[in-house]
PDB file of N, CA and C in Angstrom:
ATOM      1  N   MET A   1      42.808 -97.357  87.876  1.00  0.00           N
ATOM      2  CA  MET A   1      41.363 -97.334  87.761  1.00  0.00           C
ATOM      3  C   MET A   1      41.046 -98.120  88.803  1.00  0.00           C
ATOM      4  N   ASN A   2      40.070 -97.787  89.824  1.00  0.00           N
ATOM      5  CA  ASN A   2      39.647 -98.493  90.483  1.00  0.00           C
ATOM      6  C   ASN A   2      38.077 -99.068  90.698  1.00  0.00           C
ATOM      7  N   TYR A   3      37.905 -99.975  91.451  1.00  0.00           N
ATOM      8  CA  TYR A   3      36.138-100.823  90.413  1.00  0.00           C
ATOM      9  C   TYR A   3      35.373-100.236  92.141  1.00  0.00           C
ATOM     10  N   ALA A   4      34.366 -99.384  91.747  1.00  0.00           N
ATOM     11  CA  ALA A   4      33.260 -99.262  92.627  1.00  0.00           C
ATOM     12  C   ALA A   4      31.827-100.193  92.336  1.00  0.00           C
ATOM     13  N   ASP A   5      31.764-100.828  93.832  1.00  0.00           N
ATOM     14  CA  ASP A   5      30.521-101.239  93.379  1.00  0.00           C
ATOM     15  C   ASP A   5      29.169-100.718  93.525  1.00  0.00           C
ATOM     16  N   PRO A   6      28.569-100.521  92.715  1.00  0.00           N
ATOM     17  CA  PRO A   6      27.195 -99.557  92.567  1.00  0.00           C
ATOM     18  C   PRO A   6      26.268-100.143  93.618  1.00  0.00           C
ATOM     19  N   GLY A   7      26.186-101.604  94.445  1.00  0.00           N
ATOM     20  CA  GLY A   7      25.741-101.710  95.151  1.00  0.00           C
ATOM     21  C   GLY A   7      24.170-102.034  94.549  1.00  0.00           C
ATOM     22  N   VAL A   8      23.675-103.359  96.088  1.00  0.00           N
ATOM     23  CA  VAL A   8      22.509-104.162  95.429  1.00  0.00           C
ATOM     24  C   VAL A   8      21.578-103.269  95.032  1.00  0.00           C
ATOM     25  N   ASP A   9      21.387-102.137  95.535  1.00  0.00           N
ATOM     26  CA  ASP A   9      19.801-101.267  95.173  1.00  0.00           C
ATOM     27  C   ASP A   9      20.015-100.949  93.572  1.00  0.00           C
ATOM     28  N   TYR A  10      20.993-101.045  93.149  1.00  0.00           N
ATOM     29  CA  TYR A  10      21.321-100.779  91.580  1.00  0.00           C
ATOM     30  C   TYR A  10      21.012-101.726  90.580  1.00  0.00           C
ATOM     31  N   TYR A  11      21.390-102.979  91.355  1.00  0.00           N
ATOM     32  CA  TYR A  11      20.820-104.273  90.345  1.00  0.00           C
ATOM     33  C   TYR A  11      20.066-104.311  90.212  1.00  0.00           C
ATOM     34  N   GLU A  12      19.177-104.422  91.343  1.00  0.00           N
ATOM     35  CA  GLU A  12      17.721-104.669  91.961  1.00  0.00           C
ATOM     36  C   GLU A  12      16.846-103.759  90.882  1.00  0.00           C
ATOM     37  N   GLU A  13      17.119-102.215  90.706  1.00  0.00           N
ATOM     38  CA  GLU A  13      16.539-101.168  90.093  1.00  0.00           C
ATOM     39  C   GLU A  13      16.637-101.922  88.374  1.00  0.00           C
ATOM     40  N   ARG A  14      17.659-102.292  88.084  1.00  0.00           N
ATOM     41  CA  ARG A  14      18.040-102.193  86.320  1.00  0.00           C
ATOM     42  C   ARG A  14      17.484-104.060  86.177  1.00  0.00           C
ATOM     43  N   TYR A  15      17.261-104.673  86.707  1.00  0.00           N
ATOM     44  CA  TYR A  15      16.431-105.787  87.146  1.00  0.00           C
ATOM     45  C   TYR A  15      15.116-105.632  86.721  1.00  0.00           C
ATOM     46  N   ARG A  16      14.377-104.664  87.853  1.00  0.00           N
ATOM     47  CA  ARG A  16      13.313-104.393  87.688  1.00  0.00           C
ATOM     48  C   ARG A  16      12.680-103.946  86.298  1.00  0.00           C
ATOM     49  N   GLU A  17      13.623-102.772  86.083  1.00  0.00           N
ATOM     50  CA  GLU A  17      13.002-102.231  84.645  1.00  0.00           C
ATOM     51  C   GLU A  17      13.375-103.062  83.735  1.00  0.00           C
ATOM     52  N   GLN A  18      14.481-103.671  83.747  1.00  0.00           N
ATOM     53  CA  GLN A  18      13.986-104.901  82.338  1.00  0.00           C
ATOM     54  C   GLN A  18      12.997-106.051  82.732  1.00  0.00           C
ATOM     55  N   VAL A  19      12.555-106.218  83.683  1.00  0.00           N
ATOM     56  CA  VAL A  19      11.935-107.121  83.381  1.00  0.00           C
ATOM     57  C   VAL A  19      10.507-106.317  83.144  1.00  0.00           C
ATOM     58  N   LEU A  20      10.114-104.868  83.300  1.00  0.00           N
ATOM     59  CA  LEU A  20       8.672-103.945  83.174  1.00  0.00           C
ATOM     60  C   LEU A  20       8.605-103.866  81.658  1.00  0.00           C
ATOM     61  N   LYS A  21      10.212-103.552  81.090  1.00  0.00           N
ATOM     62  CA  LYS A  21      10.165-103.883  79.751  1.00  0.00           C
ATOM     63  C   LYS A  21       9.911-105.054  78.979  1.00  0.00           C
ATOM     64  N   GLN A  22      10.023-105.939  79.307  1.00  0.00           N
ATOM     65  CA  GLN A  22       9.937-107.374  78.583  1.00  0.00           C
ATOM     66  C   GLN A  22       8.620-107.945  78.864  1.00  0.00           C
ATOM     67  N   LEU A  23       7.738-107.311  79.787  1.00  0.00           N
ATOM     68  CA  LEU A  23       6.430-107.661  80.212  1.00  0.00           C
ATOM     69  C   LEU A  23       5.419-108.048  79.236  1.00  0.00           C
ATOM     70  N   PRO A  24       5.409-106.389  78.724  1.00  0.00           N
ATOM     71  CA  PRO A  24       4.534-106.212  77.806  1.00  0.00           C
ATOM     72  C   PRO A  24       4.789-107.660  76.195  1.00  0.00           C
ATOM     73  N   HIS A  25       5.918-107.912  75.816  1.00  0.00           N
ATOM     74  CA  HIS A  25       6.273-109.176  74.820  1.00  0.00           C
ATOM     75  C   HIS A  25       5.857-110.524  75.487  1.00  0.00           C
ATOM     76  N   ARG A  26       6.166-110.593  76.930  1.00  0.00           N
ATOM     77  CA  ARG A  26       5.819-112.294  77.479  1.00  0.00           C
ATOM     78  C   ARG A  26       4.204-112.102  77.367  1.00  0.00           C
ATOM     79  N   THR A  27       3.708-110.871  78.104  1.00  0.00           N
ATOM     80  CA  THR A  27       2.087-111.240  78.389  1.00  0.00           C
ATOM     81  C   THR A  27       1.602-111.503  76.527  1.00  0.00           C
ATOM     82  N   ALA A  28       1.730-110.736  75.612  1.00  0.00           N
ATOM     83  CA  ALA A  28       1.821-110.976  74.172  1.00  0.00           C
ATOM     84  C   ALA A  28       1.833-112.281  73.684  1.00  0.00           C
ATOM     85  N   SER A  29       2.798-113.125  74.383  1.00  0.00           N
ATOM     86  CA  SER A  29       2.937-114.671  74.179  1.00  0.00           C
ATOM     87  C   SER A  29       2.519-115.158  74.475  1.00  0.00           C
ATOM     88  N   LEU A  30       1.264-114.679  76.000  1.00  0.00           N
ATOM     89  CA  LEU A  30       0.322-116.053  76.049  1.00  0.00           C
ATOM     90  C   LEU A  30      -0.565-115.334  75.439  1.00  0.00           C
ATOM     91  N   ASP A  31      -0.832-114.348  74.900  1.00  0.00           N
ATOM     92  CA  ASP A  31      -2.623-114.160  74.113  1.00  0.00           C
ATOM     93  C   ASP A  31      -2.893-113.480  75.457  1.00  0.00           C
ATOM     94  N   TYR A  32      -2.091-112.579  75.823  1.00  0.00           N
ATOM     95  CA  TYR A  32      -2.762-111.546  76.918  1.00  0.00           C
ATOM     96  C   TYR A  32      -2.470-110.112  76.673  1.00  0.00           C
ATOM     97  N   ALA A  33      -3.350-109.191  76.880  1.00  0.00           N
ATOM     98  CA  ALA A  33      -2.972-107.852  76.769  1.00  0.00           C
ATOM     99  C   ALA A  33      -2.592-107.122  78.210  1.00  0.00           C
ATOM    100  N   LEU A  34      -1.965-105.778  78.673  1.00  0.00           N
ATOM    101  CA  LEU A  34      -1.690-104.980  79.427  1.00  0.00           C
ATOM    102  C   LEU A  34      -2.502-103.857  78.954  1.00  0.00           C
ATOM    103  N   HIS A  35      -2.833-103.312  80.159  1.00  0.00           N
ATOM    104  CA  HIS A  35      -3.867-101.715  79.591  1.00  0.00           C
ATOM    105  C   HIS A  35      -3.107-101.427  81.453  1.00  0.00           C
ATOM    106  N   ARG A  36      -2.382 -99.858  81.223  1.00  0.00           N
ATOM    107  CA  ARG A  36      -2.080 -99.022  82.006  1.00  0.00           C
ATOM    108  C   ARG A  36      -3.178 -98.927  82.831  1.00  0.00           C
ATOM    109  N   ARG A  37      -3.445 -98.538  84.371  1.00  0.00           N
ATOM    110  CA  ARG A  37      -4.415 -98.901  85.356  1.00  0.00           C
ATOM    111  C   ARG A  37      -3.758 -97.221  85.990  1.00  0.00           C
ATOM    112  N   GLU A  38      -4.978 -96.455  85.896  1.00  0.00           N
ATOM    113  CA  GLU A  38      -4.467 -95.157  86.641  1.00  0.00           C
ATOM    114  C   GLU A  38      -5.399 -95.216  88.052  1.00  0.00           C
ATOM    115  N   TYR A  39      -4.259 -94.768  89.075  1.00  0.00           N
ATOM    116  CA  TYR A  39      -4.949 -94.791  90.567  1.00  0.00           C
ATOM    117  C   TYR A  39      -5.287 -93.229  90.922  1.00  0.00           C
ATOM    118  N   LEU A  40      -6.848 -93.389  91.669  1.00  0.00           N
ATOM    119  CA  LEU A  40      -6.900 -92.053  91.947  1.00  0.00           C
ATOM    120  C   LEU A  40      -6.759 -92.429  93.590  1.00  0.00           C
ATOM    121  N   ARG A  41      -5.744 -90.931  93.673  1.00  0.00           N
ATOM    122  CA  ARG A  41      -5.134 -90.393  95.459  1.00  0.00           C
ATOM    123  C   ARG A  41      -6.716 -89.998  95.907  1.00  0.00           C
ATOM    124  N   ARG A  42      -6.951 -90.599  97.575  1.00  0.00           N
ATOM    125  CA  ARG A  42      -8.200 -90.316  97.838  1.00  0.00           C
ATOM    126  C   ARG A  42      -7.497 -89.302  98.639  1.00  0.00           C
ATOM    127  N   GLN A  43      -8.118 -87.664  99.052  1.00  0.00           N
ATOM    128  CA  GLN A  43      -8.201 -86.756  99.865  1.00  0.00           C
ATOM    129  C   GLN A  43      -8.676 -87.287 101.507  1.00  0.00           C
ATOM    130  N   SER A  44      -7.338 -87.026 102.084  1.00  0.00           N
ATOM    131  CA  SER A  44      -7.976 -87.351 103.454  1.00  0.00           C
ATOM    132  C   SER A  44      -8.901 -86.174 104.034  1.00  0.00           C
ATOM    133  N   PRO A  45     -10.162 -86.657 104.616  1.00  0.00           N
ATOM    134  CA  PRO A  45     -10.499 -85.231 105.340  1.00  0.00           C
ATOM    135  C   PRO A  45     -10.108 -84.607 106.112  1.00  0.00           C
ATOM    136  N   ALA A  46     -10.648 -82.766 105.715  1.00  0.00           N
ATOM    137  CA  ALA A  46      -9.943 -81.977 106.583  1.00  0.00           C
ATOM    138  C   ALA A  46     -10.307 -81.892 108.374  1.00  0.00           C
TER     139      ALA A  46
END
């Protein structure tokens, strides 16, 4: 069985997902609330 290093990008993505998953709990412990923000894309003039 050979070890294959998944690379830095893999670990950075996992860390990002973990931080985003824990963010609502962290903000709630500080008595803050998170709300999803919708971004609208501007259409470039034709």
